[in-house]
Amino acid sequence: MNGSQRDTVRMDNDTLAMFDNKLASDIVSAVYVIVTLANLGGNGVSLFLLLMRTSPKTPSIIFMINLTLTDLILGTVLPFQIAYQMQGYNWTLGTSMCNVLTVVFYANMYCSILSMTAISADRYLGIVKPMFFRERREKKAFAIIACILMWLLVLAILSPLETATLTYYVHERNITTCFDILKKDMLPSVAHWAGFLFGMFIILFLCPFIITVYCYVNIIRVLVRKTNSQQKGRAVRLACIVLFVFIFCFAPNNILLLAHSITRLYFDKSLYIYYKLSLSLSCINSCVDPFIYYFASKEFRRKLRQILRLQTLSTGETQMIESHRESFFSGRSTNNANED
């Protein structure tokens, strides 16, 4: 809608129906409550283990720390989203806080995608291309710089959400929404909108997804030839978890965002209610990420078992851990990388 008309234009029926759909709002709120509790608990323990108990700090461990911090930041802002949903889409904390919540929400999703892609690429180099891996990996600096570049890329693409006014007063329902209604003049033209949305879909979702699938397919192919069934089983389970996160958590949201934007910009139709429901799925990844750490790093797995007072793996695996105290993707040699 045009910015000069924002106080007089009536909301379309699809948008008003979304605000009146209490069942959808309750479902989203319930998902956010569960995610918040699981997020803070699981990622709090994960951050402690990754920072304080896991060594050496390989690039993949650094990517995991970055992923955990991203998840914890999301967990701290989700309660505001829960309150917003439970108040019937009425935002009372001001425009600036709405921008912060929105940017954190989307930054979590896309930084998670890029972090998992970086972990996949690091493992791919350590297992499939061990010589390249050994020659090109430069201490921890490379991983730290990569994490910084991830955040800069995501924040650059999300910059319209950082500066625009994302709150809107809906006369028909006497509520102020946060990010649920965006004005067309938030960006200069339809072409800019298309570039912004396709940029999020292609650069921050589709390309990382393709890279991740490629890496894991090749990792499994190499491990099938060179390792025992237990090691192959862990690799397959890890690949399945990562692909589950992409397909179940990230794909519906990004596909529906693209579909809703196209139908809204070019056909004046709306798929927003379905997009809103899919948005809650994107948060579930923050609860699944600790399982990625468990299957990806034997040092993390060993420390977690010690905390939970579980049996510390088999004797043979314990001996391997003592002699090779690195992550599954340490990259020292092909055999070492395959041990986990």
C-alpha atoms as a PDB file:
ATOM      1  CA  MET A   1       0.000   0.000   0.000  1.00  0.00           C
ATOM      2  CA  ASN A   2       1.146   3.543  -0.690  1.00  0.00           C
ATOM      3  CA  GLY A   3       2.683   5.321   2.290  1.00  0.00           C
ATOM      4  CA  SER A   4       0.539   8.445   1.789  1.00  0.00           C
ATOM      5  CA  GLN A   5      -2.582   6.302   1.898  1.00  0.00           C
ATOM      6  CA  ARG A   6      -1.669   4.242   4.922  1.00  0.00           C
ATOM      7  CA  ASP A   7      -4.230   5.917   7.187  1.00  0.00           C
ATOM      8  CA  THR A   8      -7.175   5.569   4.795  1.00  0.00           C
ATOM      9  CA  VAL A   9      -6.721   2.293   2.924  1.00  0.00           C
ATOM     10  CA  ARG A  10      -8.831  -0.597   4.165  1.00  0.00           C
ATOM     11  CA  MET A  11      -7.244  -3.922   4.900  1.00  0.00           C
ATOM     12  CA  ASP A  12      -8.141  -6.727   2.519  1.00  0.00           C
ATOM     13  CA  ASN A  13     -10.273  -9.564   3.821  1.00  0.00           C
ATOM     14  CA  ASP A  14      -7.437 -12.103   3.773  1.00  0.00           C
ATOM     15  CA  THR A  15      -5.319  -9.948   6.077  1.00  0.00           C
ATOM     16  CA  LEU A  16      -8.195  -9.273   8.465  1.00  0.00           C
ATOM     17  CA  ALA A  17      -9.033 -12.981   8.492  1.00  0.00           C
ATOM     18  CA  MET A  18      -5.510 -13.733   9.639  1.00  0.00           C
ATOM     19  CA  PHE A  19      -5.868 -11.322  12.569  1.00  0.00           C
ATOM     20  CA  ASP A  20      -9.181 -12.982  13.488  1.00  0.00           C
ATOM     21  CA  ASN A  21      -7.815 -16.531  13.272  1.00  0.00           C
ATOM     22  CA  LYS A  22      -7.281 -17.262  16.959  1.00  0.00           C
ATOM     23  CA  LEU A  23      -6.528 -20.951  16.362  1.00  0.00           C
ATOM     24  CA  ALA A  24      -3.562 -20.142  14.125  1.00  0.00           C
ATOM     25  CA  SER A  25      -2.327 -17.588  16.635  1.00  0.00           C
ATOM     26  CA  ASP A  26      -2.599 -20.083  19.500  1.00  0.00           C
ATOM     27  CA  ILE A  27      -0.736 -22.750  17.509  1.00  0.00           C
ATOM     28  CA  VAL A  28       2.096 -20.356  16.696  1.00  0.00           C
ATOM     29  CA  SER A  29       2.268 -19.188  20.318  1.00  0.00           C
ATOM     30  CA  ALA A  30       2.390 -22.776  21.619  1.00  0.00           C
ATOM     31  CA  VAL A  31       5.194 -23.657  19.195  1.00  0.00           C
ATOM     32  CA  TYR A  32       7.164 -20.580  20.285  1.00  0.00           C
ATOM     33  CA  VAL A  33       6.766 -21.447  23.983  1.00  0.00           C
ATOM     34  CA  ILE A  34       8.047 -24.999  23.438  1.00  0.00           C
ATOM     35  CA  VAL A  35      10.876 -23.778  21.215  1.00  0.00           C
ATOM     36  CA  THR A  36      11.945 -21.131  23.753  1.00  0.00           C
ATOM     37  CA  LEU A  37      12.214 -23.640  26.606  1.00  0.00           C
ATOM     38  CA  ALA A  38      14.012 -26.276  24.519  1.00  0.00           C
ATOM     39  CA  ASN A  39      16.219 -23.649  22.869  1.00  0.00           C
ATOM     40  CA  LEU A  40      17.519 -22.056  26.065  1.00  0.00           C
ATOM     41  CA  GLY A  41      18.044 -25.397  27.790  1.00  0.00           C
ATOM     42  CA  GLY A  42      19.666 -27.337  24.950  1.00  0.00           C
ATOM     43  CA  ASN A  43      21.755 -24.514  23.546  1.00  0.00           C
ATOM     44  CA  GLY A  44      22.797 -23.292  26.988  1.00  0.00           C
ATOM     45  CA  VAL A  45      24.351 -26.697  27.705  1.00  0.00           C
ATOM     46  CA  SER A  46      25.776 -26.865  24.172  1.00  0.00           C
ATOM     47  CA  LEU A  47      27.462 -23.463  24.463  1.00  0.00           C
ATOM     48  CA  PHE A  48      29.026 -24.437  27.786  1.00  0.00           C
ATOM     49  CA  LEU A  49      30.401 -27.681  26.340  1.00  0.00           C
ATOM     50  CA  LEU A  50      31.611 -26.106  23.100  1.00  0.00           C
ATOM     51  CA  LEU A  51      33.308 -23.156  24.808  1.00  0.00           C
ATOM     52  CA  MET A  52      34.597 -24.678  28.022  1.00  0.00           C
ATOM     53  CA  ARG A  53      34.946 -28.425  27.533  1.00  0.00           C
ATOM     54  CA  THR A  54      35.592 -29.071  23.826  1.00  0.00           C
ATOM     55  CA  SER A  55      39.083 -28.795  22.409  1.00  0.00           C
ATOM     56  CA  PRO A  56      40.809 -28.152  20.135  1.00  0.00           C
ATOM     57  CA  LYS A  57      38.707 -25.359  18.672  1.00  0.00           C
ATOM     58  CA  THR A  58      38.633 -26.595  15.082  1.00  0.00           C
ATOM     59  CA  PRO A  59      36.855 -24.542  12.402  1.00  0.00           C
ATOM     60  CA  SER A  60      33.763 -26.737  12.695  1.00  0.00           C
ATOM     61  CA  ILE A  61      33.636 -26.216  16.466  1.00  0.00           C
ATOM     62  CA  ILE A  62      33.830 -22.458  15.878  1.00  0.00           C
ATOM     63  CA  PHE A  63      30.972 -22.705  13.379  1.00  0.00           C
ATOM     64  CA  MET A  64      28.996 -24.661  15.990  1.00  0.00           C
ATOM     65  CA  ILE A  65      29.654 -21.947  18.585  1.00  0.00           C
ATOM     66  CA  ASN A  66      28.426 -19.347  16.107  1.00  0.00           C
ATOM     67  CA  LEU A  67      25.311 -21.426  15.454  1.00  0.00           C
ATOM     68  CA  THR A  68      24.669 -21.868  19.190  1.00  0.00           C
ATOM     69  CA  LEU A  69      25.009 -18.139  19.893  1.00  0.00           C
ATOM     70  CA  THR A  70      22.591 -17.417  17.062  1.00  0.00           C
ATOM     71  CA  ASP A  71      20.061 -19.852  18.522  1.00  0.00           C
ATOM     72  CA  LEU A  72      20.389 -18.402  22.029  1.00  0.00           C
ATOM     73  CA  ILE A  73      19.826 -14.867  20.739  1.00  0.00           C
ATOM     74  CA  LEU A  74      16.624 -16.093  19.119  1.00  0.00           C
ATOM     75  CA  GLY A  75      15.572 -17.729  22.394  1.00  0.00           C
ATOM     76  CA  THR A  76      15.887 -14.418  24.233  1.00  0.00           C
ATOM     77  CA  VAL A  77      13.606 -12.523  21.826  1.00  0.00           C
ATOM     78  CA  LEU A  78      10.952 -15.202  21.236  1.00  0.00           C
ATOM     79  CA  PRO A  79       9.059 -14.294  24.457  1.00  0.00           C
ATOM     80  CA  PHE A  80       8.302 -10.886  22.905  1.00  0.00           C
ATOM     81  CA  GLN A  81       6.870 -12.626  19.847  1.00  0.00           C
ATOM     82  CA  ILE A  82       4.796 -14.877  22.129  1.00  0.00           C
ATOM     83  CA  ALA A  83       3.356 -11.845  23.920  1.00  0.00           C
ATOM     84  CA  TYR A  84       2.582 -10.212  20.571  1.00  0.00           C
ATOM     85  CA  GLN A  85       0.720 -13.281  19.345  1.00  0.00           C
ATOM     86  CA  MET A  86      -1.220 -13.721  22.601  1.00  0.00           C
ATOM     87  CA  GLN A  87      -2.283 -10.073  22.545  1.00  0.00           C
ATOM     88  CA  GLY A  88      -3.956 -10.585  19.180  1.00  0.00           C
ATOM     89  CA  TYR A  89      -1.188  -9.203  16.948  1.00  0.00           C
ATOM     90  CA  ASN A  90      -1.015  -5.988  18.969  1.00  0.00           C
ATOM     91  CA  TRP A  91       2.552  -4.674  19.311  1.00  0.00           C
ATOM     92  CA  THR A  92       3.090  -2.325  22.253  1.00  0.00           C
ATOM     93  CA  LEU A  93       6.890  -2.037  22.467  1.00  0.00           C
ATOM     94  CA  GLY A  94       7.524   0.554  19.784  1.00  0.00           C
ATOM     95  CA  THR A  95       8.988   0.614  16.296  1.00  0.00           C
ATOM     96  CA  SER A  96      12.644   0.132  17.233  1.00  0.00           C
ATOM     97  CA  MET A  97      11.967  -3.016  19.236  1.00  0.00           C
ATOM     98  CA  CYS A  98       9.891  -4.362  16.342  1.00  0.00           C
ATOM     99  CA  ASN A  99      12.868  -3.879  14.014  1.00  0.00           C
ATOM    100  CA  VAL A 100      15.185  -5.634  16.458  1.00  0.00           C
ATOM    101  CA  LEU A 101      12.829  -8.594  16.861  1.00  0.00           C
ATOM    102  CA  THR A 102      12.313  -8.959  13.107  1.00  0.00           C
ATOM    103  CA  VAL A 103      15.996  -8.722  12.201  1.00  0.00           C
ATOM    104  CA  VAL A 104      16.996 -11.188  14.952  1.00  0.00           C
ATOM    105  CA  PHE A 105      14.275 -13.576  13.831  1.00  0.00           C
ATOM    106  CA  TYR A 106      15.420 -13.665  10.220  1.00  0.00           C
ATOM    107  CA  ALA A 107      19.129 -13.388  11.027  1.00  0.00           C
ATOM    108  CA  ASN A 108      18.791 -16.545  13.140  1.00  0.00           C
ATOM    109  CA  MET A 109      17.286 -18.466  10.254  1.00  0.00           C
ATOM    110  CA  TYR A 110      19.780 -17.379   7.635  1.00  0.00           C
ATOM    111  CA  CYS A 111      22.877 -17.459   9.873  1.00  0.00           C
ATOM    112  CA  SER A 112      21.831 -20.972  10.886  1.00  0.00           C
ATOM    113  CA  ILE A 113      21.592 -21.963   7.229  1.00  0.00           C
ATOM    114  CA  LEU A 114      25.010 -20.486   6.431  1.00  0.00           C
ATOM    115  CA  SER A 115      26.603 -21.987   9.566  1.00  0.00           C
ATOM    116  CA  MET A 116      25.336 -25.474   8.734  1.00  0.00           C
ATOM    117  CA  THR A 117      26.590 -25.029   5.184  1.00  0.00           C
ATOM    118  CA  ALA A 118      30.004 -23.996   6.523  1.00  0.00           C
ATOM    119  CA  ILE A 119      30.094 -27.070   8.790  1.00  0.00           C
ATOM    120  CA  SER A 120      29.164 -29.255   5.817  1.00  0.00           C
ATOM    121  CA  ALA A 121      31.871 -27.707   3.647  1.00  0.00           C
ATOM    122  CA  ASP A 122      34.460 -28.076   6.410  1.00  0.00           C
ATOM    123  CA  ARG A 123      33.614 -31.751   6.818  1.00  0.00           C
ATOM    124  CA  TYR A 124      33.633 -32.225   3.058  1.00  0.00           C
ATOM    125  CA  LEU A 125      37.177 -30.838   2.836  1.00  0.00           C
ATOM    126  CA  GLY A 126      38.332 -32.942   5.781  1.00  0.00           C
ATOM    127  CA  ILE A 127      36.917 -36.211   4.447  1.00  0.00           C
ATOM    128  CA  VAL A 128      36.647 -35.955   0.668  1.00  0.00           C
ATOM    129  CA  LYS A 129      39.556 -33.563   0.012  1.00  0.00           C
ATOM    130  CA  PRO A 130      41.919 -34.106   2.958  1.00  0.00           C
ATOM    131  CA  MET A 131      45.055 -32.844   1.187  1.00  0.00           C
ATOM    132  CA  PHE A 132      43.337 -29.636   0.105  1.00  0.00           C
ATOM    133  CA  PHE A 133      41.929 -29.305   3.604  1.00  0.00           C
ATOM    134  CA  ARG A 134      45.342 -29.616   5.250  1.00  0.00           C
ATOM    135  CA  GLU A 135      46.964 -27.112   2.926  1.00  0.00           C
ATOM    136  CA  ARG A 136      44.277 -24.433   2.972  1.00  0.00           C
ATOM    137  CA  ARG A 137      42.932 -24.336   6.522  1.00  0.00           C
ATOM    138  CA  GLU A 138      44.668 -21.561   8.470  1.00  0.00           C
ATOM    139  CA  LYS A 139      44.238 -22.094  12.216  1.00  0.00           C
ATOM    140  CA  LYS A 140      41.073 -20.661  13.760  1.00  0.00           C
ATOM    141  CA  ALA A 141      41.271 -17.297  12.030  1.00  0.00           C
ATOM    142  CA  PHE A 142      39.671 -18.596   8.848  1.00  0.00           C
ATOM    143  CA  ALA A 143      36.564 -19.846  10.679  1.00  0.00           C
ATOM    144  CA  ILE A 144      36.241 -16.668  12.745  1.00  0.00           C
ATOM    145  CA  ILE A 145      36.485 -14.496   9.629  1.00  0.00           C
ATOM    146  CA  ALA A 146      33.936 -16.743   7.891  1.00  0.00           C
ATOM    147  CA  CYS A 147      31.487 -16.266  10.784  1.00  0.00           C
ATOM    148  CA  ILE A 148      31.927 -12.501  10.649  1.00  0.00           C
ATOM    149  CA  LEU A 149      31.341 -12.518   6.881  1.00  0.00           C
ATOM    150  CA  MET A 150      28.182 -14.615   7.386  1.00  0.00           C
ATOM    151  CA  TRP A 151      26.725 -12.015   9.709  1.00  0.00           C
ATOM    152  CA  LEU A 152      27.722  -9.126   7.454  1.00  0.00           C
ATOM    153  CA  LEU A 153      26.131 -10.805   4.429  1.00  0.00           C
ATOM    154  CA  VAL A 154      22.893 -11.569   6.273  1.00  0.00           C
ATOM    155  CA  LEU A 155      22.634  -8.099   7.824  1.00  0.00           C
ATOM    156  CA  ALA A 156      23.376  -6.487   4.444  1.00  0.00           C
ATOM    157  CA  ILE A 157      20.586  -8.410   2.705  1.00  0.00           C
ATOM    158  CA  LEU A 158      18.204  -7.745   5.616  1.00  0.00           C
ATOM    159  CA  SER A 159      19.085  -4.032   5.691  1.00  0.00           C
ATOM    160  CA  PRO A 160      15.590  -2.931   4.512  1.00  0.00           C
ATOM    161  CA  LEU A 161      14.196  -4.514   7.684  1.00  0.00           C
ATOM    162  CA  GLU A 162      16.702  -2.612   9.813  1.00  0.00           C
ATOM    163  CA  THR A 163      15.764   0.863   8.651  1.00  0.00           C
ATOM    164  CA  ALA A 164      12.106   0.729   7.581  1.00  0.00           C
ATOM    165  CA  THR A 165       9.087   1.277   9.812  1.00  0.00           C
ATOM    166  CA  LEU A 166       7.712  -2.203  10.371  1.00  0.00           C
ATOM    167  CA  THR A 167       4.805  -1.296  12.661  1.00  0.00           C
ATOM    168  CA  TYR A 168       1.366  -0.435  11.255  1.00  0.00           C
ATOM    169  CA  TYR A 169      -1.874   0.623  12.905  1.00  0.00           C
ATOM    170  CA  VAL A 170      -4.916  -1.340  11.709  1.00  0.00           C
ATOM    171  CA  HIS A 171      -8.051   0.775  12.211  1.00  0.00           C
ATOM    172  CA  GLU A 172     -10.422  -2.107  11.598  1.00  0.00           C
ATOM    173  CA  ARG A 173      -9.093  -4.071  14.577  1.00  0.00           C
ATOM    174  CA  ASN A 174      -7.583  -1.271  16.685  1.00  0.00           C
ATOM    175  CA  ILE A 175      -4.220  -3.015  16.825  1.00  0.00           C
ATOM    176  CA  THR A 176      -0.644  -2.110  15.899  1.00  0.00           C
ATOM    177  CA  THR A 177       1.078  -4.879  13.993  1.00  0.00           C
ATOM    178  CA  CYS A 178       4.787  -5.697  13.845  1.00  0.00           C
ATOM    179  CA  PHE A 179       6.035  -6.876  10.447  1.00  0.00           C
ATOM    180  CA  ASP A 180       2.680  -8.413   9.561  1.00  0.00           C
ATOM    181  CA  ILE A 181       1.830  -5.504   7.266  1.00  0.00           C
ATOM    182  CA  LEU A 182       4.514  -3.943   5.110  1.00  0.00           C
ATOM    183  CA  LYS A 183       4.057  -0.826   2.994  1.00  0.00           C
ATOM    184  CA  LYS A 184       5.006  -1.050  -0.648  1.00  0.00           C
ATOM    185  CA  ASP A 185       7.009   2.160  -0.348  1.00  0.00           C
ATOM    186  CA  MET A 186       9.346   0.448   2.115  1.00  0.00           C
ATOM    187  CA  LEU A 187      11.385  -0.164  -1.048  1.00  0.00           C
ATOM    188  CA  PRO A 188      11.504   2.197  -4.050  1.00  0.00           C
ATOM    189  CA  SER A 189       9.888  -0.101  -6.617  1.00  0.00           C
ATOM    190  CA  VAL A 190       8.510  -3.545  -7.351  1.00  0.00           C
ATOM    191  CA  ALA A 191      11.879  -4.388  -8.928  1.00  0.00           C
ATOM    192  CA  HIS A 192      13.614  -3.591  -5.633  1.00  0.00           C
ATOM    193  CA  TRP A 193      11.102  -5.777  -3.796  1.00  0.00           C
ATOM    194  CA  ALA A 194      11.745  -8.618  -6.227  1.00  0.00           C
ATOM    195  CA  GLY A 195      15.504  -8.246  -5.806  1.00  0.00           C
ATOM    196  CA  PHE A 196      15.222  -8.206  -2.015  1.00  0.00           C
ATOM    197  CA  LEU A 197      13.000 -11.286  -1.842  1.00  0.00           C
ATOM    198  CA  PHE A 198      14.789 -13.293  -4.512  1.00  0.00           C
ATOM    199  CA  GLY A 199      18.093 -12.367  -2.845  1.00  0.00           C
ATOM    200  CA  MET A 200      16.912 -13.878   0.432  1.00  0.00           C
ATOM    201  CA  PHE A 201      15.605 -16.979  -1.325  1.00  0.00           C
ATOM    202  CA  ILE A 202      18.492 -17.638  -3.706  1.00  0.00           C
ATOM    203  CA  ILE A 203      21.565 -16.319  -1.849  1.00  0.00           C
ATOM    204  CA  LEU A 204      20.590 -17.167   1.722  1.00  0.00           C
ATOM    205  CA  PHE A 205      18.599 -20.353   1.179  1.00  0.00           C
ATOM    206  CA  LEU A 206      18.780 -22.096  -2.203  1.00  0.00           C
ATOM    207  CA  CYS A 207      22.543 -21.843  -2.828  1.00  0.00           C
ATOM    208  CA  PRO A 208      23.493 -22.975   0.716  1.00  0.00           C
ATOM    209  CA  PHE A 209      20.991 -25.828   0.448  1.00  0.00           C
ATOM    210  CA  ILE A 210      22.515 -27.062  -2.819  1.00  0.00           C
ATOM    211  CA  ILE A 211      26.045 -26.824  -1.378  1.00  0.00           C
ATOM    212  CA  THR A 212      25.021 -28.716   1.774  1.00  0.00           C
ATOM    213  CA  VAL A 213      23.357 -31.535  -0.168  1.00  0.00           C
ATOM    214  CA  TYR A 214      26.377 -31.832  -2.442  1.00  0.00           C
ATOM    215  CA  CYS A 215      28.779 -32.009   0.519  1.00  0.00           C
ATOM    216  CA  TYR A 216      26.832 -34.665   2.421  1.00  0.00           C
ATOM    217  CA  VAL A 217      26.203 -36.836  -0.635  1.00  0.00           C
ATOM    218  CA  ASN A 218      29.933 -36.938  -1.293  1.00  0.00           C
ATOM    219  CA  ILE A 219      30.799 -37.453   2.385  1.00  0.00           C
ATOM    220  CA  ILE A 220      28.505 -40.471   2.602  1.00  0.00           C
ATOM    221  CA  ARG A 221      29.838 -41.817  -0.704  1.00  0.00           C
ATOM    222  CA  VAL A 222      33.423 -41.737   0.628  1.00  0.00           C
ATOM    223  CA  LEU A 223      32.511 -43.170   4.043  1.00  0.00           C
ATOM    224  CA  VAL A 224      30.553 -46.036   2.493  1.00  0.00           C
ATOM    225  CA  ARG A 225      33.752 -47.167   0.774  1.00  0.00           C
ATOM    226  CA  LYS A 226      36.209 -46.636   3.616  1.00  0.00           C
ATOM    227  CA  THR A 227      34.617 -47.008   7.056  1.00  0.00           C
ATOM    228  CA  ASN A 228      32.757 -49.564   9.123  1.00  0.00           C
ATOM    229  CA  SER A 229      28.995 -49.713   9.502  1.00  0.00           C
ATOM    230  CA  GLN A 230      28.916 -47.857  12.850  1.00  0.00           C
ATOM    231  CA  GLN A 231      30.829 -44.907  11.429  1.00  0.00           C
ATOM    232  CA  LYS A 232      28.675 -44.889   8.300  1.00  0.00           C
ATOM    233  CA  GLY A 233      25.586 -44.956  10.498  1.00  0.00           C
ATOM    234  CA  ARG A 234      26.628 -41.820  12.351  1.00  0.00           C
ATOM    235  CA  ALA A 235      27.423 -40.020   9.111  1.00  0.00           C
ATOM    236  CA  VAL A 236      24.049 -40.948   7.642  1.00  0.00           C
ATOM    237  CA  ARG A 237      22.200 -39.877  10.803  1.00  0.00           C
ATOM    238  CA  LEU A 238      24.002 -36.543  10.840  1.00  0.00           C
ATOM    239  CA  ALA A 239      23.226 -35.959   7.160  1.00  0.00           C
ATOM    240  CA  CYS A 240      19.573 -36.839   7.782  1.00  0.00           C
ATOM    241  CA  ILE A 241      19.328 -34.376  10.689  1.00  0.00           C
ATOM    242  CA  VAL A 242      20.835 -31.536   8.662  1.00  0.00           C
ATOM    243  CA  LEU A 243      18.635 -32.256   5.647  1.00  0.00           C
ATOM    244  CA  PHE A 244      15.605 -32.523   7.961  1.00  0.00           C
ATOM    245  CA  VAL A 245      16.347 -29.035   9.296  1.00  0.00           C
ATOM    246  CA  PHE A 246      16.599 -27.650   5.768  1.00  0.00           C
ATOM    247  CA  ILE A 247      13.525 -29.414   4.400  1.00  0.00           C
ATOM    248  CA  PHE A 248      11.208 -29.218   7.422  1.00  0.00           C
ATOM    249  CA  CYS A 249      12.299 -25.985   9.100  1.00  0.00           C
ATOM    250  CA  PHE A 250      13.678 -23.731   6.380  1.00  0.00           C
ATOM    251  CA  ALA A 251      12.196 -24.799   3.036  1.00  0.00           C
ATOM    252  CA  PRO A 252       8.465 -24.222   3.792  1.00  0.00           C
ATOM    253  CA  ASN A 253       9.112 -20.730   5.115  1.00  0.00           C
ATOM    254  CA  ASN A 254      11.344 -19.619   2.260  1.00  0.00           C
ATOM    255  CA  ILE A 255       9.184 -21.161  -0.458  1.00  0.00           C
ATOM    256  CA  LEU A 256       6.001 -19.662   0.988  1.00  0.00           C
ATOM    257  CA  LEU A 257       7.678 -16.273   1.450  1.00  0.00           C
ATOM    258  CA  LEU A 258       8.589 -16.289  -2.226  1.00  0.00           C
ATOM    259  CA  ALA A 259       5.144 -17.526  -3.290  1.00  0.00           C
ATOM    260  CA  HIS A 260       3.302 -15.041  -1.070  1.00  0.00           C
ATOM    261  CA  SER A 261       5.452 -12.145  -2.293  1.00  0.00           C
ATOM    262  CA  ILE A 262       4.864 -13.017  -5.954  1.00  0.00           C
ATOM    263  CA  THR A 263       1.111 -13.409  -5.492  1.00  0.00           C
ATOM    264  CA  ARG A 264       0.919 -10.173  -3.465  1.00  0.00           C
ATOM    265  CA  LEU A 265       3.107  -8.053  -5.727  1.00  0.00           C
ATOM    266  CA  TYR A 266       1.797  -9.255  -9.082  1.00  0.00           C
ATOM    267  CA  PHE A 267      -1.654 -10.784  -8.483  1.00  0.00           C
ATOM    268  CA  ASP A 268      -2.884  -8.937  -5.356  1.00  0.00           C
ATOM    269  CA  LYS A 269      -3.543 -12.245  -3.574  1.00  0.00           C
ATOM    270  CA  SER A 270      -2.297 -13.439  -0.198  1.00  0.00           C
ATOM    271  CA  LEU A 271      -0.767 -16.622   1.220  1.00  0.00           C
ATOM    272  CA  TYR A 272       0.266 -14.893   4.417  1.00  0.00           C
ATOM    273  CA  ILE A 273      -1.631 -17.081   6.870  1.00  0.00           C
ATOM    274  CA  TYR A 274       0.266 -20.132   5.581  1.00  0.00           C
ATOM    275  CA  TYR A 275       3.533 -18.208   5.619  1.00  0.00           C
ATOM    276  CA  LYS A 276       2.872 -17.143   9.216  1.00  0.00           C
ATOM    277  CA  LEU A 277       2.374 -20.757  10.278  1.00  0.00           C
ATOM    278  CA  SER A 278       5.507 -21.863   8.410  1.00  0.00           C
ATOM    279  CA  LEU A 279       7.497 -19.136  10.149  1.00  0.00           C
ATOM    280  CA  SER A 280       7.108 -20.978  13.441  1.00  0.00           C
ATOM    281  CA  LEU A 281       8.706 -24.061  11.853  1.00  0.00           C
ATOM    282  CA  SER A 282      11.870 -22.099  11.107  1.00  0.00           C
ATOM    283  CA  CYS A 283      12.447 -21.684  14.854  1.00  0.00           C
ATOM    284  CA  ILE A 284      12.421 -25.418  15.505  1.00  0.00           C
ATOM    285  CA  ASN A 285      15.911 -25.662  14.050  1.00  0.00           C
ATOM    286  CA  SER A 286      17.260 -24.066  17.235  1.00  0.00           C
ATOM    287  CA  CYS A 287      16.040 -27.130  19.167  1.00  0.00           C
ATOM    288  CA  VAL A 288      17.525 -29.612  16.684  1.00  0.00           C
ATOM    289  CA  ASP A 289      20.989 -28.053  16.376  1.00  0.00           C
ATOM    290  CA  PRO A 290      22.370 -29.708  19.578  1.00  0.00           C
ATOM    291  CA  PHE A 291      21.776 -33.094  17.903  1.00  0.00           C
ATOM    292  CA  ILE A 292      24.016 -31.927  15.065  1.00  0.00           C
ATOM    293  CA  TYR A 293      26.785 -31.209  17.555  1.00  0.00           C
ATOM    294  CA  TYR A 294      26.281 -34.616  19.174  1.00  0.00           C
ATOM    295  CA  PHE A 295      26.745 -36.548  15.946  1.00  0.00           C
ATOM    296  CA  ALA A 296      29.355 -34.215  14.449  1.00  0.00           C
ATOM    297  CA  SER A 297      31.894 -33.974  17.297  1.00  0.00           C
ATOM    298  CA  LYS A 298      33.025 -36.963  19.325  1.00  0.00           C
ATOM    299  CA  GLU A 299      34.594 -34.664  21.906  1.00  0.00           C
ATOM    300  CA  PHE A 300      31.252 -32.901  22.394  1.00  0.00           C
ATOM    301  CA  ARG A 301      29.534 -36.281  22.580  1.00  0.00           C
ATOM    302  CA  ARG A 302      32.007 -37.572  25.168  1.00  0.00           C
ATOM    303  CA  LYS A 303      31.658 -34.499  27.406  1.00  0.00           C
ATOM    304  CA  LEU A 304      27.864 -34.596  27.185  1.00  0.00           C
ATOM    305  CA  ARG A 305      27.852 -38.247  28.194  1.00  0.00           C
ATOM    306  CA  GLN A 306      30.042 -37.403  31.178  1.00  0.00           C
ATOM    307  CA  ILE A 307      27.655 -34.656  32.302  1.00  0.00           C
ATOM    308  CA  LEU A 308      24.678 -36.972  31.938  1.00  0.00           C
ATOM    309  CA  ARG A 309      26.656 -39.750  33.669  1.00  0.00           C
ATOM    310  CA  LEU A 310      26.089 -42.142  30.791  1.00  0.00           C
ATOM    311  CA  GLN A 311      28.413 -44.977  29.877  1.00  0.00           C
ATOM    312  CA  THR A 312      31.366 -43.433  28.062  1.00  0.00           C
ATOM    313  CA  LEU A 313      31.079 -45.219  24.741  1.00  0.00           C
ATOM    314  CA  SER A 314      32.740 -48.503  23.923  1.00  0.00           C
ATOM    315  CA  THR A 315      36.299 -49.354  24.917  1.00  0.00           C
ATOM    316  CA  GLY A 316      37.502 -49.257  21.320  1.00  0.00           C
ATOM    317  CA  GLU A 317      35.972 -45.878  20.651  1.00  0.00           C
ATOM    318  CA  THR A 318      37.314 -44.494  23.943  1.00  0.00           C
ATOM    319  CA  GLN A 319      40.814 -45.483  22.864  1.00  0.00           C
ATOM    320  CA  MET A 320      40.353 -43.761  19.542  1.00  0.00           C
ATOM    321  CA  ILE A 321      39.114 -40.634  21.310  1.00  0.00           C
ATOM    322  CA  GLU A 322      42.138 -40.563  23.579  1.00  0.00           C
ATOM    323  CA  SER A 323      44.516 -40.847  20.622  1.00  0.00           C
ATOM    324  CA  HIS A 324      42.617 -38.512  18.309  1.00  0.00           C
ATOM    325  CA  ARG A 325      41.057 -35.751  20.443  1.00  0.00           C
ATOM    326  CA  GLU A 326      39.577 -33.830  17.572  1.00  0.00           C
ATOM    327  CA  SER A 327      36.261 -33.465  15.867  1.00  0.00           C
ATOM    328  CA  PHE A 328      35.014 -35.902  13.281  1.00  0.00           C
ATOM    329  CA  PHE A 329      36.194 -33.504  10.625  1.00  0.00           C
ATOM    330  CA  SER A 330      39.641 -32.703  12.043  1.00  0.00           C
ATOM    331  CA  GLY A 331      41.177 -33.156   8.592  1.00  0.00           C
ATOM    332  CA  ARG A 332      44.568 -34.527   9.758  1.00  0.00           C
ATOM    333  CA  SER A 333      44.190 -37.400   7.341  1.00  0.00           C
ATOM    334  CA  THR A 334      41.439 -39.257   5.566  1.00  0.00           C
ATOM    335  CA  ASN A 335      41.537 -42.100   8.063  1.00  0.00           C
ATOM    336  CA  ASN A 336      41.334 -39.787  11.083  1.00  0.00           C
ATOM    337  CA  ALA A 337      38.457 -37.920   9.577  1.00  0.00           C
ATOM    338  CA  ASN A 338      36.605 -41.126   9.002  1.00  0.00           C
ATOM    339  CA  GLU A 339      36.907 -42.408  12.528  1.00  0.00           C
ATOM    340  CA  ASP A 340      33.779 -40.895  13.884  1.00  0.00           C
END
